[in-house]
N, C-alpha and C. Protein backbone atom coordinates (compact mmCIF):
# COMPACT_ATOMS: atom_id res chain seq x y z
N MET A 1 13.28 -2.63 -35.68
CA MET A 1 13.30 -2.28 -34.48
C MET A 1 11.97 -1.75 -34.15
N LYS A 2 10.90 -0.96 -34.76
CA LYS A 2 9.75 -0.54 -34.48
C LYS A 2 8.96 -2.25 -34.46
N LYS A 3 9.25 -2.43 -35.47
CA LYS A 3 8.68 -4.05 -35.62
C LYS A 3 8.55 -5.10 -34.47
N THR A 4 9.64 -4.70 -33.77
CA THR A 4 10.09 -6.06 -32.56
C THR A 4 9.29 -5.07 -31.36
N ASN A 5 9.30 -4.02 -31.52
CA ASN A 5 8.77 -3.34 -30.04
C ASN A 5 7.22 -3.81 -30.25
N THR A 6 6.48 -3.72 -31.65
CA THR A 6 5.02 -3.94 -31.33
C THR A 6 4.66 -5.14 -31.04
N LYS A 7 5.61 -6.19 -31.52
CA LYS A 7 5.64 -7.71 -31.43
C LYS A 7 5.53 -7.74 -30.17
N LYS A 8 6.23 -7.12 -29.27
CA LYS A 8 6.76 -7.37 -27.98
C LYS A 8 5.87 -6.87 -27.21
N LEU A 9 4.91 -5.55 -27.71
CA LEU A 9 3.89 -4.94 -26.86
C LEU A 9 2.61 -5.86 -26.91
N ALA A 10 2.52 -6.45 -28.34
CA ALA A 10 1.28 -7.31 -28.53
C ALA A 10 1.30 -8.38 -27.73
N MET A 11 2.55 -9.24 -27.42
CA MET A 11 2.84 -10.35 -26.62
C MET A 11 2.35 -9.97 -25.48
N ALA A 12 3.01 -8.76 -25.19
CA ALA A 12 2.67 -8.51 -23.62
C ALA A 12 1.05 -8.19 -23.14
N GLY A 13 0.49 -7.68 -24.11
CA GLY A 13 -1.14 -7.33 -23.62
C GLY A 13 -1.75 -8.67 -23.83
N VAL A 14 -1.42 -9.64 -24.84
CA VAL A 14 -1.79 -10.95 -24.81
C VAL A 14 -1.44 -11.62 -23.42
N LEU A 15 -0.30 -11.79 -23.03
CA LEU A 15 -0.11 -12.29 -21.70
C LEU A 15 -0.82 -11.80 -20.48
N CYS A 16 -0.50 -10.32 -20.55
CA CYS A 16 -1.43 -9.63 -19.19
C CYS A 16 -3.16 -10.05 -19.44
N ALA A 17 -3.63 -10.12 -20.69
CA ALA A 17 -5.37 -10.55 -20.77
C ALA A 17 -5.24 -12.06 -20.37
N VAL A 18 -4.31 -13.15 -20.74
CA VAL A 18 -4.12 -14.25 -19.86
C VAL A 18 -4.34 -14.09 -18.32
N CYS A 19 -3.42 -13.32 -17.85
CA CYS A 19 -3.26 -13.42 -16.17
C CYS A 19 -4.56 -13.06 -15.98
N VAL A 20 -5.27 -12.04 -16.11
CA VAL A 20 -6.50 -11.47 -15.97
C VAL A 20 -7.74 -12.73 -15.88
N VAL A 21 -7.94 -13.12 -16.89
CA VAL A 21 -8.62 -14.21 -17.10
C VAL A 21 -8.41 -15.61 -16.31
N GLY A 22 -7.03 -15.71 -16.29
CA GLY A 22 -6.74 -17.09 -15.27
C GLY A 22 -6.70 -16.92 -13.67
N SER A 23 -6.96 -15.77 -13.64
CA SER A 23 -7.13 -14.98 -11.85
C SER A 23 -8.42 -15.57 -11.95
N LEU A 24 -9.51 -15.75 -12.64
CA LEU A 24 -10.81 -16.76 -12.30
C LEU A 24 -10.85 -17.81 -11.67
N PHE A 25 -9.69 -18.61 -12.21
CA PHE A 25 -9.28 -19.99 -11.56
C PHE A 25 -8.34 -19.78 -10.16
N SER A 26 -8.95 -19.19 -9.34
CA SER A 26 -7.71 -19.03 -8.23
C SER A 26 -8.52 -19.85 -6.92
N VAL A 27 -7.68 -20.33 -6.04
CA VAL A 27 -7.88 -20.98 -5.03
C VAL A 27 -7.26 -19.76 -3.61
N PRO A 28 -8.28 -19.58 -2.73
CA PRO A 28 -7.81 -19.15 -1.88
C PRO A 28 -7.46 -19.84 -0.58
N VAL A 29 -6.18 -19.61 -0.14
CA VAL A 29 -5.19 -19.77 0.88
C VAL A 29 -4.85 -18.89 1.75
N PHE A 30 -5.33 -18.65 3.08
CA PHE A 30 -5.02 -17.90 3.87
C PHE A 30 -5.72 -16.47 3.73
N ALA A 31 -5.05 -15.56 3.75
CA ALA A 31 -5.62 -14.18 3.26
C ALA A 31 -5.19 -13.78 1.81
N SER A 32 -4.79 -14.68 1.07
CA SER A 32 -4.32 -14.36 -0.26
C SER A 32 -5.23 -15.19 -1.09
N LYS A 33 -5.51 -15.22 -2.51
CA LYS A 33 -5.68 -15.79 -3.46
C LYS A 33 -4.66 -16.42 -4.30
N CYS A 34 -4.51 -17.75 -4.37
CA CYS A 34 -3.48 -18.16 -5.00
C CYS A 34 -4.10 -18.29 -6.58
N ALA A 35 -3.48 -17.72 -7.47
CA ALA A 35 -3.50 -17.74 -9.14
C ALA A 35 -2.16 -18.17 -9.52
N PRO A 36 -2.06 -19.62 -9.85
CA PRO A 36 -1.06 -20.10 -10.62
C PRO A 36 -1.01 -19.54 -12.15
N VAL A 37 -1.92 -19.02 -12.67
CA VAL A 37 -1.62 -18.98 -14.12
C VAL A 37 -0.95 -17.45 -14.26
N GLN A 38 -0.99 -16.57 -12.98
CA GLN A 38 -0.12 -15.49 -12.92
C GLN A 38 1.45 -15.56 -13.38
N HIS A 39 1.94 -16.81 -12.54
CA HIS A 39 3.11 -17.45 -12.31
C HIS A 39 3.52 -18.21 -13.50
N MET A 40 2.85 -18.73 -14.08
CA MET A 40 2.94 -19.11 -15.53
C MET A 40 3.27 -18.17 -16.28
N VAL A 41 2.63 -17.18 -16.27
CA VAL A 41 2.55 -16.17 -17.40
C VAL A 41 4.09 -15.25 -17.23
N ASN A 42 4.28 -15.21 -15.73
CA ASN A 42 5.86 -14.91 -15.51
C ASN A 42 6.88 -15.36 -16.13
N ILE A 43 6.85 -16.94 -16.10
CA ILE A 43 7.76 -17.39 -16.66
C ILE A 43 7.82 -17.40 -18.01
N ILE A 44 6.84 -17.61 -18.77
CA ILE A 44 6.67 -17.35 -20.13
C ILE A 44 7.13 -15.85 -20.55
N SER A 45 6.73 -14.96 -19.93
CA SER A 45 7.11 -13.73 -20.26
C SER A 45 8.76 -13.51 -20.09
N ALA A 46 9.35 -13.78 -19.03
CA ALA A 46 10.86 -13.96 -18.85
C ALA A 46 11.21 -14.74 -19.90
N VAL A 47 11.09 -16.01 -20.41
CA VAL A 47 11.69 -16.23 -21.78
C VAL A 47 11.19 -15.98 -22.86
N LEU A 48 10.27 -15.09 -23.18
CA LEU A 48 9.81 -14.78 -24.47
C LEU A 48 10.25 -13.12 -24.31
N LEU A 49 10.07 -12.49 -23.34
CA LEU A 49 10.16 -11.09 -23.86
C LEU A 49 11.52 -10.46 -22.76
N GLY A 50 11.58 -11.09 -21.50
CA GLY A 50 12.63 -10.41 -20.96
C GLY A 50 12.34 -10.20 -19.34
N PRO A 51 13.04 -9.14 -18.25
CA PRO A 51 12.33 -9.32 -17.12
C PRO A 51 11.45 -8.01 -16.98
N TYR A 52 12.36 -6.81 -17.33
CA TYR A 52 11.38 -5.63 -17.86
C TYR A 52 9.86 -5.73 -17.96
N TRP A 53 9.98 -6.32 -19.30
CA TRP A 53 8.52 -7.02 -19.66
C TRP A 53 7.47 -7.61 -18.93
N GLY A 54 8.16 -8.29 -18.02
CA GLY A 54 7.61 -9.58 -17.57
C GLY A 54 7.08 -8.73 -16.24
N VAL A 55 7.99 -7.84 -15.24
CA VAL A 55 7.43 -6.71 -14.36
C VAL A 55 5.93 -6.13 -14.78
N ALA A 56 6.26 -5.38 -15.85
CA ALA A 56 5.45 -4.59 -16.33
C ALA A 56 3.93 -5.56 -16.58
N ILE A 57 3.89 -6.64 -16.89
CA ILE A 57 3.30 -7.55 -17.55
C ILE A 57 2.55 -7.88 -15.78
N ALA A 58 3.39 -8.00 -15.04
CA ALA A 58 2.54 -8.60 -13.45
C ALA A 58 2.08 -7.49 -13.04
N PHE A 59 2.79 -6.20 -13.03
CA PHE A 59 2.11 -5.08 -12.55
C PHE A 59 0.87 -4.58 -13.20
N ALA A 60 0.53 -4.72 -14.61
CA ALA A 60 -0.59 -4.36 -15.06
C ALA A 60 -1.56 -5.43 -14.43
N ALA A 61 -1.10 -6.64 -14.99
CA ALA A 61 -2.35 -7.81 -14.33
C ALA A 61 -2.56 -7.37 -13.09
N SER A 62 -2.01 -7.40 -12.14
CA SER A 62 -2.25 -7.09 -10.74
C SER A 62 -3.41 -5.72 -10.47
N LEU A 63 -2.82 -5.16 -11.33
CA LEU A 63 -3.55 -3.66 -11.20
C LEU A 63 -5.17 -3.92 -11.76
N ILE A 64 -5.14 -4.46 -13.19
CA ILE A 64 -6.32 -4.72 -13.49
C ILE A 64 -7.13 -5.97 -12.54
N ARG A 65 -6.59 -6.85 -12.14
CA ARG A 65 -7.22 -7.81 -11.27
C ARG A 65 -7.93 -6.99 -10.10
N ASN A 66 -6.77 -5.94 -9.27
CA ASN A 66 -7.52 -5.34 -8.56
C ASN A 66 -8.77 -4.34 -8.51
N LEU A 67 -8.70 -3.75 -9.68
CA LEU A 67 -9.83 -3.15 -10.13
C LEU A 67 -10.96 -3.68 -10.49
N LEU A 68 -10.78 -4.98 -11.07
CA LEU A 68 -12.00 -5.92 -11.26
C LEU A 68 -12.49 -6.74 -10.11
N GLY A 69 -11.99 -6.62 -8.74
CA GLY A 69 -12.25 -7.11 -8.00
C GLY A 69 -12.10 -8.69 -7.89
N LEU A 70 -10.92 -9.07 -8.89
CA LEU A 70 -10.59 -10.59 -8.86
C LEU A 70 -9.40 -10.67 -7.71
N GLY A 71 -8.67 -10.32 -7.34
CA GLY A 71 -7.53 -10.25 -6.60
C GLY A 71 -7.36 -9.22 -5.70
N THR A 72 -6.47 -9.38 -4.55
CA THR A 72 -6.28 -8.75 -3.28
C THR A 72 -4.93 -7.58 -3.91
N LEU A 73 -4.56 -6.82 -2.67
CA LEU A 73 -3.33 -6.31 -2.97
C LEU A 73 -2.23 -7.20 -2.97
N MET A 74 -2.29 -8.41 -2.32
CA MET A 74 -1.41 -9.44 -2.58
C MET A 74 -0.74 -9.77 -3.92
N ALA A 75 -1.58 -9.39 -4.90
CA ALA A 75 -1.04 -9.91 -6.44
C ALA A 75 -0.01 -9.29 -6.79
N PHE A 76 -0.05 -7.92 -6.03
CA PHE A 76 1.57 -6.90 -6.52
C PHE A 76 2.77 -7.70 -6.00
N PRO A 77 3.11 -7.85 -4.72
CA PRO A 77 4.24 -8.61 -4.19
C PRO A 77 4.15 -10.14 -4.69
N GLY A 78 3.39 -10.64 -4.83
CA GLY A 78 3.06 -11.73 -5.16
C GLY A 78 3.40 -12.51 -6.68
N SER A 79 3.33 -10.95 -7.12
CA SER A 79 3.84 -11.26 -9.04
C SER A 79 4.99 -10.70 -9.51
N MET A 80 5.19 -9.55 -8.64
CA MET A 80 6.24 -8.88 -9.48
C MET A 80 7.72 -9.29 -8.90
N PHE A 81 7.95 -9.87 -7.92
CA PHE A 81 9.20 -10.26 -7.71
C PHE A 81 9.63 -11.33 -8.42
N GLY A 82 8.73 -12.38 -8.19
CA GLY A 82 8.87 -13.27 -9.20
C GLY A 82 9.24 -13.00 -10.35
N ALA A 83 8.67 -12.03 -11.20
CA ALA A 83 8.53 -12.03 -12.55
C ALA A 83 10.02 -11.60 -12.86
N LEU A 84 10.30 -10.19 -11.96
CA LEU A 84 11.68 -9.65 -11.97
C LEU A 84 12.70 -10.87 -11.62
N LEU A 85 12.93 -11.76 -10.90
CA LEU A 85 13.87 -12.64 -10.62
C LEU A 85 13.65 -13.53 -11.72
N CYS A 86 13.17 -13.95 -12.14
CA CYS A 86 13.20 -15.16 -12.82
C CYS A 86 13.51 -14.67 -14.39
N GLY A 87 13.13 -13.27 -14.73
CA GLY A 87 13.46 -12.68 -15.68
C GLY A 87 14.93 -12.45 -15.94
N ILE A 88 15.55 -12.04 -14.76
CA ILE A 88 17.07 -11.54 -14.82
C ILE A 88 17.56 -13.04 -14.87
N VAL A 89 17.29 -13.85 -14.24
CA VAL A 89 17.84 -15.46 -14.40
C VAL A 89 17.94 -16.07 -15.55
N PHE A 90 16.83 -15.80 -16.17
CA PHE A 90 16.79 -16.36 -17.51
C PHE A 90 17.61 -15.58 -18.63
N SER A 91 17.74 -14.54 -18.49
CA SER A 91 18.55 -13.54 -19.39
C SER A 91 19.77 -13.72 -19.36
N LYS A 92 20.30 -13.93 -18.03
CA LYS A 92 21.87 -13.90 -17.91
C LYS A 92 22.06 -15.35 -17.93
N THR A 93 21.17 -16.67 -17.76
CA THR A 93 21.62 -18.26 -17.76
C THR A 93 21.00 -18.98 -18.99
N LYS A 94 19.77 -18.29 -19.56
CA LYS A 94 19.33 -18.85 -20.81
C LYS A 94 19.08 -20.17 -20.21
N THR A 95 18.57 -20.69 -19.22
CA THR A 95 18.52 -22.22 -18.82
C THR A 95 17.13 -22.24 -18.00
N THR A 96 16.01 -22.69 -18.62
CA THR A 96 14.46 -22.87 -18.07
C THR A 96 14.54 -23.37 -16.72
N TRP A 97 15.30 -24.43 -16.41
CA TRP A 97 14.76 -24.88 -15.11
C TRP A 97 15.57 -23.97 -13.91
N LEU A 98 16.55 -23.16 -14.03
CA LEU A 98 16.86 -22.13 -13.00
C LEU A 98 15.85 -21.23 -12.99
N THR A 99 15.14 -20.57 -14.06
CA THR A 99 13.94 -19.77 -14.52
C THR A 99 12.94 -20.19 -13.32
N TYR A 100 12.95 -21.44 -13.49
CA TYR A 100 11.39 -21.98 -12.65
C TYR A 100 11.77 -21.94 -11.41
N LEU A 101 12.90 -21.98 -10.64
CA LEU A 101 13.04 -22.19 -9.51
C LEU A 101 13.57 -20.38 -9.10
N ALA A 102 13.98 -19.94 -9.86
CA ALA A 102 13.81 -18.44 -9.95
C ALA A 102 12.57 -17.72 -9.10
N GLU A 103 11.53 -18.19 -10.14
CA GLU A 103 10.06 -17.59 -10.19
C GLU A 103 9.81 -18.24 -8.85
N VAL A 104 9.71 -19.35 -8.43
CA VAL A 104 9.50 -19.92 -6.84
C VAL A 104 10.03 -19.24 -5.99
N PHE A 105 11.22 -19.19 -5.95
CA PHE A 105 11.92 -18.30 -4.78
C PHE A 105 11.59 -16.38 -5.02
N GLY A 106 11.68 -16.35 -6.05
CA GLY A 106 11.57 -14.70 -6.14
C GLY A 106 9.67 -14.42 -5.26
N THR A 107 8.93 -15.32 -5.84
CA THR A 107 7.40 -15.00 -5.24
C THR A 107 7.16 -15.65 -3.84
N ALA A 108 7.90 -16.56 -3.71
CA ALA A 108 7.29 -17.29 -2.39
C ALA A 108 8.36 -16.67 -1.28
N VAL A 109 9.64 -16.49 -1.42
CA VAL A 109 10.18 -15.86 -0.14
C VAL A 109 10.17 -14.34 -0.27
N LEU A 110 10.86 -13.89 -1.33
CA LEU A 110 10.74 -12.50 -1.72
C LEU A 110 9.56 -11.47 -1.57
N GLY A 111 8.83 -12.24 -2.12
CA GLY A 111 7.54 -11.68 -2.36
C GLY A 111 6.58 -11.69 -1.15
N GLY A 112 6.74 -13.34 -0.75
CA GLY A 112 6.16 -13.53 0.71
C GLY A 112 6.53 -12.52 1.73
N LEU A 113 7.64 -12.15 2.16
CA LEU A 113 8.20 -11.37 3.23
C LEU A 113 7.73 -9.86 2.67
N CYS A 114 7.60 -9.34 1.66
CA CYS A 114 7.18 -8.09 1.01
C CYS A 114 5.87 -8.00 1.44
N ALA A 115 5.18 -9.09 1.32
CA ALA A 115 3.64 -8.87 1.24
C ALA A 115 3.10 -8.79 2.83
N TYR A 116 3.73 -9.12 3.97
CA TYR A 116 3.55 -8.69 5.21
C TYR A 116 3.36 -7.16 5.47
N PRO A 117 4.45 -6.19 5.41
CA PRO A 117 4.14 -4.75 5.31
C PRO A 117 2.91 -4.18 4.30
N VAL A 118 2.67 -5.04 3.19
CA VAL A 118 1.52 -4.54 2.42
C VAL A 118 0.30 -4.80 3.30
N ALA A 119 0.07 -5.93 3.80
CA ALA A 119 -1.13 -6.65 4.63
C ALA A 119 -1.27 -5.91 5.97
N VAL A 120 -0.06 -5.56 6.43
CA VAL A 120 -0.59 -4.69 7.97
C VAL A 120 -0.68 -3.15 7.55
N LEU A 121 -0.02 -2.35 6.73
CA LEU A 121 -0.10 -1.35 6.21
C LEU A 121 -1.67 -0.94 5.72
N PHE A 122 -1.91 -1.69 4.35
CA PHE A 122 -2.87 -1.05 3.77
C PHE A 122 -4.13 -2.22 3.77
N MET A 123 -3.92 -3.47 4.30
CA MET A 123 -5.21 -4.33 4.61
C MET A 123 -5.68 -4.49 5.77
N GLY A 124 -5.02 -3.77 6.53
CA GLY A 124 -5.55 -3.75 8.10
C GLY A 124 -5.49 -4.83 8.79
N VAL A 125 -4.36 -6.08 8.23
CA VAL A 125 -3.94 -6.89 9.03
C VAL A 125 -2.94 -6.77 10.68
N ASP A 126 -3.74 -7.43 11.46
CA ASP A 126 -3.23 -7.28 12.94
C ASP A 126 -1.66 -7.58 12.69
N ALA A 127 -0.49 -6.80 12.86
CA ALA A 127 0.60 -7.37 12.96
C ALA A 127 1.13 -8.00 14.00
N SER A 128 0.36 -7.85 15.70
CA SER A 128 0.63 -8.58 16.50
C SER A 128 -0.13 -10.24 16.15
N LYS A 129 -0.84 -10.58 15.57
CA LYS A 129 -1.46 -11.73 15.44
C LYS A 129 -1.03 -12.25 14.24
N THR A 130 -0.28 -11.97 13.30
CA THR A 130 0.45 -12.40 12.22
C THR A 130 2.06 -12.02 12.12
N ALA A 131 2.41 -13.53 11.56
CA ALA A 131 4.29 -13.86 11.64
C ALA A 131 4.34 -12.83 10.32
N PHE A 132 5.84 -12.51 10.20
CA PHE A 132 6.39 -11.56 8.88
C PHE A 132 6.24 -12.59 7.85
N TYR A 133 6.61 -13.98 8.30
CA TYR A 133 6.66 -14.80 7.12
C TYR A 133 5.22 -15.65 6.76
N ALA A 134 4.14 -15.05 7.24
CA ALA A 134 2.53 -15.90 7.05
C ALA A 134 2.46 -16.23 5.77
N TYR A 135 3.04 -15.10 4.70
CA TYR A 135 2.64 -15.56 3.33
C TYR A 135 3.46 -15.99 2.55
N ILE A 136 4.34 -16.79 2.96
CA ILE A 136 5.45 -17.60 2.07
C ILE A 136 4.81 -18.91 1.75
N VAL A 137 3.87 -19.57 2.92
CA VAL A 137 3.48 -20.90 2.28
C VAL A 137 2.67 -20.55 1.08
N PRO A 138 1.47 -19.75 1.49
CA PRO A 138 0.39 -19.50 0.40
C PRO A 138 1.27 -19.19 -0.88
N PHE A 139 2.05 -18.53 -0.91
CA PHE A 139 2.56 -17.90 -2.28
C PHE A 139 3.51 -19.13 -2.98
N LEU A 140 4.12 -20.04 -1.97
CA LEU A 140 4.94 -20.89 -2.59
C LEU A 140 3.90 -22.26 -3.02
N ILE A 141 2.72 -22.27 -2.32
CA ILE A 141 1.64 -23.53 -3.19
C ILE A 141 1.36 -22.66 -4.63
N SER A 142 1.00 -21.12 -4.94
CA SER A 142 0.78 -20.59 -5.90
C SER A 142 1.58 -20.68 -6.56
N THR A 143 2.84 -20.45 -6.59
CA THR A 143 3.83 -20.57 -8.23
C THR A 143 4.35 -21.58 -7.87
N ALA A 144 4.38 -22.37 -6.86
CA ALA A 144 4.98 -23.86 -7.38
C ALA A 144 4.04 -24.42 -8.57
N ALA A 145 2.46 -24.37 -8.12
CA ALA A 145 1.75 -24.52 -9.35
C ALA A 145 1.93 -24.02 -10.69
N GLY A 146 1.96 -22.97 -10.78
CA GLY A 146 2.13 -21.87 -11.85
C GLY A 146 3.74 -22.40 -12.53
N ALA A 147 4.71 -22.82 -12.04
CA ALA A 147 5.95 -23.10 -12.58
C ALA A 147 5.70 -24.30 -13.21
N ILE A 148 5.10 -25.51 -12.27
CA ILE A 148 4.91 -26.84 -13.31
C ILE A 148 3.99 -26.70 -14.48
N LEU A 149 3.04 -26.01 -14.48
CA LEU A 149 2.36 -25.23 -15.61
C LEU A 149 2.56 -24.64 -16.81
N SER A 150 3.81 -23.85 -16.36
CA SER A 150 4.94 -23.19 -17.33
C SER A 150 5.93 -24.22 -17.83
N ALA A 151 6.38 -24.98 -16.91
CA ALA A 151 7.14 -26.11 -17.36
C ALA A 151 6.96 -27.07 -18.41
N VAL A 152 5.62 -27.44 -18.11
CA VAL A 152 4.78 -28.02 -19.21
C VAL A 152 4.81 -27.32 -20.68
N LEU A 153 4.22 -26.42 -20.30
CA LEU A 153 4.06 -25.40 -21.83
C LEU A 153 5.24 -25.13 -22.72
N ILE A 154 6.19 -24.69 -21.59
CA ILE A 154 7.41 -24.32 -22.22
C ILE A 154 8.01 -25.58 -23.07
N GLU A 155 8.32 -26.56 -21.91
CA GLU A 155 8.95 -27.69 -22.74
C GLU A 155 8.35 -28.64 -23.92
N SER A 156 6.94 -28.31 -24.13
CA SER A 156 6.13 -28.59 -25.03
C SER A 156 6.62 -27.76 -26.63
N LEU A 157 6.60 -26.43 -26.17
CA LEU A 157 6.89 -25.47 -27.25
C LEU A 157 8.27 -25.83 -27.78
N LYS A 158 9.16 -25.84 -26.75
CA LYS A 158 10.62 -26.20 -27.10
C LYS A 158 10.62 -27.56 -28.49
N ARG A 159 10.15 -28.31 -27.54
CA ARG A 159 10.03 -29.93 -28.63
C ARG A 159 9.29 -29.66 -29.81
N ALA A 160 8.21 -28.78 -29.70
CA ALA A 160 7.55 -28.43 -31.08
C ALA A 160 8.53 -27.85 -32.20
N LYS A 161 9.58 -27.34 -31.41
CA LYS A 161 10.32 -26.28 -32.22
C LYS A 161 9.67 -24.94 -32.51
N VAL A 162 8.83 -24.49 -31.23
CA VAL A 162 8.16 -23.36 -31.63
C VAL A 162 9.03 -21.83 -31.08
N ILE A 163 9.70 -22.25 -29.76
CA ILE A 163 10.54 -21.40 -29.26
C ILE A 163 11.76 -22.02 -29.31
N LYS A 164 12.88 -21.07 -29.30
CA LYS A 164 14.10 -21.68 -28.83
C LYS A 164 14.44 -21.12 -27.60
N ALA A 165 14.34 -22.09 -26.25
CA ALA A 165 14.78 -21.66 -25.07
C ALA A 165 15.90 -22.31 -24.49
């Protein structure tokens, strides 16, 4: 039991570091920075560790990115909703393609809609000039790229028999 938790904690730390370093490769789209590596890690953590670890990794990486000036407050809703949803879907179905779709839906739709109040309340965005669905498209671009990256990586690891997913 203790050995398993230590392994999970070590894996979570590595995945969190990958998120932070991967955020150096971000693309600005409207008011957010699209960081597809975050979404790739969300899916990998869902497959390897589970939903709660995935949310913890997404939160920690978002916090570190913000403290280092590598991200915006959009990192929180843009990563945590997808991590939770894809983690839950994988834990219930053990199907990777549904997990990829859950990450895209959770981040783009749920995270995109929840980013609006964050932008208005904490980032000073003018509510009268911004639609409530304005963050869906940038989040969709980022999470779709991350889902493709993770699909390539996970399918390669499955073929090499490194993981059973």
